[in-house]
């Protein structure tokens, strides 16, 4: 129990700092000072600052997977899955502009993939689309969503993401189901 508390405290201090300054300005010394722990305690839990970042993204991805609900549209599911990023825009921007950008990209890619695969599995019930076509459609939307979010971050995250996601949903409404039906009609 104490171990979970200490890990949580370190992550919380790290996220707070990341919302205030770039990743390369955060030090182990600053984290241990903010937490009131010693360096050895920090290193007991994490080999370095980047391990905290990796754990945060893994934890948030698992949270998104656990919170996914079959009654959600892909748009709602995607917004639920990106809740952490929306609540920590400055921190995400700092990671985006750091050497650890790849971790952010991988996180977004995994979130997008998880949302799209689950959504496609849900709406493909009763449609005899091939599994390879389902994967292809999910991959297409996964890549598109990931790149859209990366472009949004690069542009300073000024636009409301909920508005953008809902608009994309309106513009492409029915395309996934139509693609699945087309798959069912093709000769294998």
Protein backbone atom coordinates (compact mmCIF):
# COMPACT_ATOMS: atom_id res chain seq x y z
CA UNK A 1 0.00 0.00 0.00
CA UNK A 2 2.81 2.41 0.88
CA UNK A 3 4.55 1.51 -2.37
CA UNK A 4 1.48 2.43 -4.42
CA UNK A 5 1.18 5.69 -2.52
CA UNK A 6 4.81 6.58 -3.16
CA UNK A 7 4.58 5.74 -6.88
CA UNK A 8 1.40 7.79 -7.16
CA UNK A 9 3.02 10.71 -5.32
CA UNK A 10 6.04 10.63 -7.67
CA UNK A 11 3.80 10.49 -10.76
CA UNK A 12 1.63 13.33 -9.46
CA UNK A 13 4.66 15.54 -8.78
CA UNK A 14 6.09 14.71 -12.20
CA UNK A 15 2.83 15.57 -14.00
CA UNK A 16 2.55 18.83 -12.06
CA UNK A 17 6.09 19.78 -13.07
CA UNK A 18 5.50 18.71 -16.66
CA UNK A 19 2.50 21.05 -16.76
CA UNK A 20 4.78 23.86 -15.61
CA UNK A 21 8.02 23.33 -17.54
CA UNK A 22 9.57 21.36 -20.42
CA UNK A 23 10.53 17.74 -19.86
CA UNK A 24 14.27 18.45 -20.16
CA UNK A 25 14.05 20.89 -17.21
CA UNK A 26 12.61 18.33 -14.80
CA UNK A 27 15.17 16.67 -12.57
CA UNK A 28 15.12 13.79 -10.13
CA UNK A 29 16.29 16.29 -7.51
CA UNK A 30 13.22 18.47 -8.09
CA UNK A 31 10.87 15.48 -7.95
CA UNK A 32 12.30 14.09 -4.70
CA UNK A 33 12.21 17.56 -3.18
CA UNK A 34 8.55 18.01 -4.15
CA UNK A 35 7.67 14.58 -2.76
CA UNK A 36 9.74 14.83 0.41
CA UNK A 37 11.56 11.59 -0.34
CA UNK A 38 15.23 10.77 -0.92
CA UNK A 39 16.91 9.88 -4.22
CA UNK A 40 17.23 6.22 -3.27
CA UNK A 41 13.47 6.00 -2.82
CA UNK A 42 12.96 7.51 -6.27
CA UNK A 43 15.42 5.07 -7.85
CA UNK A 44 13.77 2.16 -6.03
CA UNK A 45 10.64 2.84 -8.12
CA UNK A 46 12.03 4.32 -11.35
CA UNK A 47 15.39 4.07 -13.13
CA UNK A 48 14.91 7.58 -14.55
CA UNK A 49 12.36 10.28 -15.35
CA UNK A 50 11.48 8.69 -18.69
CA UNK A 51 10.28 5.56 -16.92
CA UNK A 52 7.68 7.70 -15.11
CA UNK A 53 6.50 9.08 -18.44
CA UNK A 54 6.25 5.58 -19.89
CA UNK A 55 4.31 4.34 -16.87
CA UNK A 56 1.90 7.28 -17.06
CA UNK A 57 1.10 6.54 -20.70
CA UNK A 58 0.70 2.82 -19.97
CA UNK A 59 -1.59 3.55 -17.01
CA UNK A 60 -3.70 5.98 -19.03
CA UNK A 61 -3.99 3.49 -21.89
CA UNK A 62 -5.16 0.80 -19.46
CA UNK A 63 -7.65 3.27 -17.95
CA UNK A 64 -9.03 3.99 -21.42
CA UNK A 65 -9.36 0.26 -22.12
CA UNK A 66 -11.09 -0.33 -18.77
CA UNK A 67 -13.49 2.61 -19.24
CA UNK A 68 -14.48 1.68 -22.78
CA UNK A 69 -18.18 1.07 -22.96
CA UNK A 70 -19.99 -0.62 -25.84
CA UNK A 71 -22.69 2.04 -25.73
CA UNK A 72 -20.20 4.75 -26.68
CA UNK A 73 -19.76 5.95 -30.24
CA UNK A 74 -16.18 5.89 -31.49
CA UNK A 75 -16.13 9.68 -31.02
CA UNK A 76 -17.19 9.47 -27.37
CA UNK A 77 -14.84 6.55 -26.75
CA UNK A 78 -11.95 8.47 -28.29
CA UNK A 79 -12.65 11.50 -26.10
CA UNK A 80 -12.83 9.28 -23.00
CA UNK A 81 -9.55 7.66 -24.04
CA UNK A 82 -7.80 11.01 -24.49
CA UNK A 83 -9.10 12.50 -21.22
CA UNK A 84 -5.62 12.62 -19.67
CA UNK A 85 -4.22 14.52 -22.65
CA UNK A 86 -7.07 17.00 -22.54
CA UNK A 87 -6.63 17.60 -18.82
CA UNK A 88 -2.86 18.01 -19.17
CA UNK A 89 -2.49 19.93 -22.44
CA UNK A 90 0.66 21.74 -21.36
CA UNK A 91 2.31 18.53 -20.21
CA UNK A 92 1.42 16.85 -23.51
CA UNK A 93 2.78 19.82 -25.42
CA UNK A 94 6.04 19.58 -23.45
CA UNK A 95 6.36 15.86 -24.24
CA UNK A 96 5.51 16.55 -27.89
CA UNK A 97 8.40 19.02 -28.07
CA UNK A 98 10.85 16.74 -26.29
CA UNK A 99 13.11 13.85 -27.22
CA UNK A 100 10.39 11.55 -25.79
CA UNK A 101 7.84 12.46 -28.46
CA UNK A 102 7.86 8.85 -29.65
CA UNK A 103 6.24 7.72 -26.39
CA UNK A 104 3.43 10.21 -26.91
CA UNK A 105 2.96 9.09 -30.51
CA UNK A 106 2.87 5.44 -29.44
CA UNK A 107 0.34 6.26 -26.71
CA UNK A 108 -1.96 8.10 -29.15
CA UNK A 109 -1.57 5.32 -31.72
CA UNK A 110 -2.48 2.67 -29.14
CA UNK A 111 -5.47 4.65 -27.87
CA UNK A 112 -6.75 5.24 -31.41
CA UNK A 113 -6.24 1.59 -32.31
CA UNK A 114 -7.99 0.31 -29.22
CA UNK A 115 -10.98 2.58 -29.78
CA UNK A 116 -11.32 1.74 -33.47
CA UNK A 117 -10.86 -2.02 -33.11
CA UNK A 118 -13.52 -2.20 -30.40
CA UNK A 119 -15.88 0.06 -32.33
CA UNK A 120 -15.49 -1.93 -35.53
CA UNK A 121 -16.00 -5.21 -33.67
CA UNK A 122 -19.22 -3.77 -32.24
CA UNK A 123 -20.72 -2.46 -35.48
CA UNK A 124 -19.61 -5.40 -37.58
CA UNK A 125 -21.89 -7.80 -35.70
CA UNK A 126 -24.14 -9.39 -38.31
CA UNK A 127 -21.95 -8.17 -41.20
CA UNK A 128 -19.83 -10.98 -42.66
CA UNK A 129 -16.79 -8.77 -43.32
CA UNK A 130 -13.42 -10.50 -43.39
CA UNK A 131 -11.21 -10.15 -40.34
CA UNK A 132 -8.40 -8.79 -42.53
CA UNK A 133 -10.71 -6.06 -43.84
CA UNK A 134 -11.82 -5.23 -40.30
CA UNK A 135 -8.16 -4.85 -39.33
CA UNK A 136 -7.47 -2.74 -42.41
CA UNK A 137 -10.39 -0.39 -41.70
CA UNK A 138 -9.38 -0.08 -38.03
CA UNK A 139 -5.78 0.61 -39.01
CA UNK A 140 -6.84 3.31 -41.47
CA UNK A 141 -8.88 5.18 -38.86
CA UNK A 142 -6.23 4.56 -36.21
CA UNK A 143 -3.59 6.25 -38.35
CA UNK A 144 -5.92 9.09 -39.33
CA UNK A 145 -6.93 9.83 -35.73
CA UNK A 146 -3.36 9.64 -34.47
CA UNK A 147 -2.11 12.06 -37.10
CA UNK A 148 -5.03 14.43 -36.52
CA UNK A 149 -4.22 14.60 -32.80
CA UNK A 150 -0.52 15.13 -33.52
CA UNK A 151 -1.38 17.98 -35.90
CA UNK A 152 -3.68 19.46 -33.25
CA UNK A 153 -0.85 19.36 -30.69
CA UNK A 154 1.63 20.84 -33.19
CA UNK A 155 -0.74 23.74 -33.89
CA UNK A 156 -0.85 24.65 -30.21
CA UNK A 157 -4.03 22.77 -29.21
CA UNK A 158 -6.17 25.85 -29.79
CA UNK A 159 -9.25 24.20 -31.26
CA UNK A 160 -11.72 22.38 -29.05
CA UNK A 161 -11.01 18.65 -29.61
CA UNK A 162 -14.58 17.66 -28.81
CA UNK A 163 -15.85 19.91 -31.60
CA UNK A 164 -13.31 18.48 -34.06
CA UNK A 165 -14.02 14.85 -33.18
CA UNK A 166 -17.79 15.33 -33.36
CA UNK A 167 -17.44 17.07 -36.73
CA UNK A 168 -15.32 14.22 -38.09
CA UNK A 169 -17.98 11.82 -36.83
CA UNK A 170 -20.69 13.77 -38.66
CA UNK A 171 -18.70 14.00 -41.88
CA UNK A 172 -17.80 10.32 -41.97
CA UNK A 173 -20.98 8.94 -40.40
CA UNK A 174 -21.79 5.53 -41.83
CA UNK A 175 -18.51 5.08 -43.72
CA UNK A 176 -17.22 2.33 -41.45
CA UNK A 177 -20.42 0.29 -41.67
CA UNK A 178 -20.51 0.83 -45.43
CA UNK A 179 -16.91 -0.34 -45.76
CA UNK A 180 -17.70 -3.45 -43.73
CA UNK A 181 -20.69 -4.21 -45.95
CA UNK A 182 -18.52 -3.78 -49.03
CA UNK A 183 -16.04 -6.24 -47.56
CA UNK A 184 -18.81 -8.79 -47.13
CA UNK A 185 -19.71 -8.43 -50.82
CA UNK A 186 -16.21 -8.98 -52.19
CA UNK A 187 -14.96 -12.34 -53.32
CA UNK A 188 -12.17 -13.54 -51.10
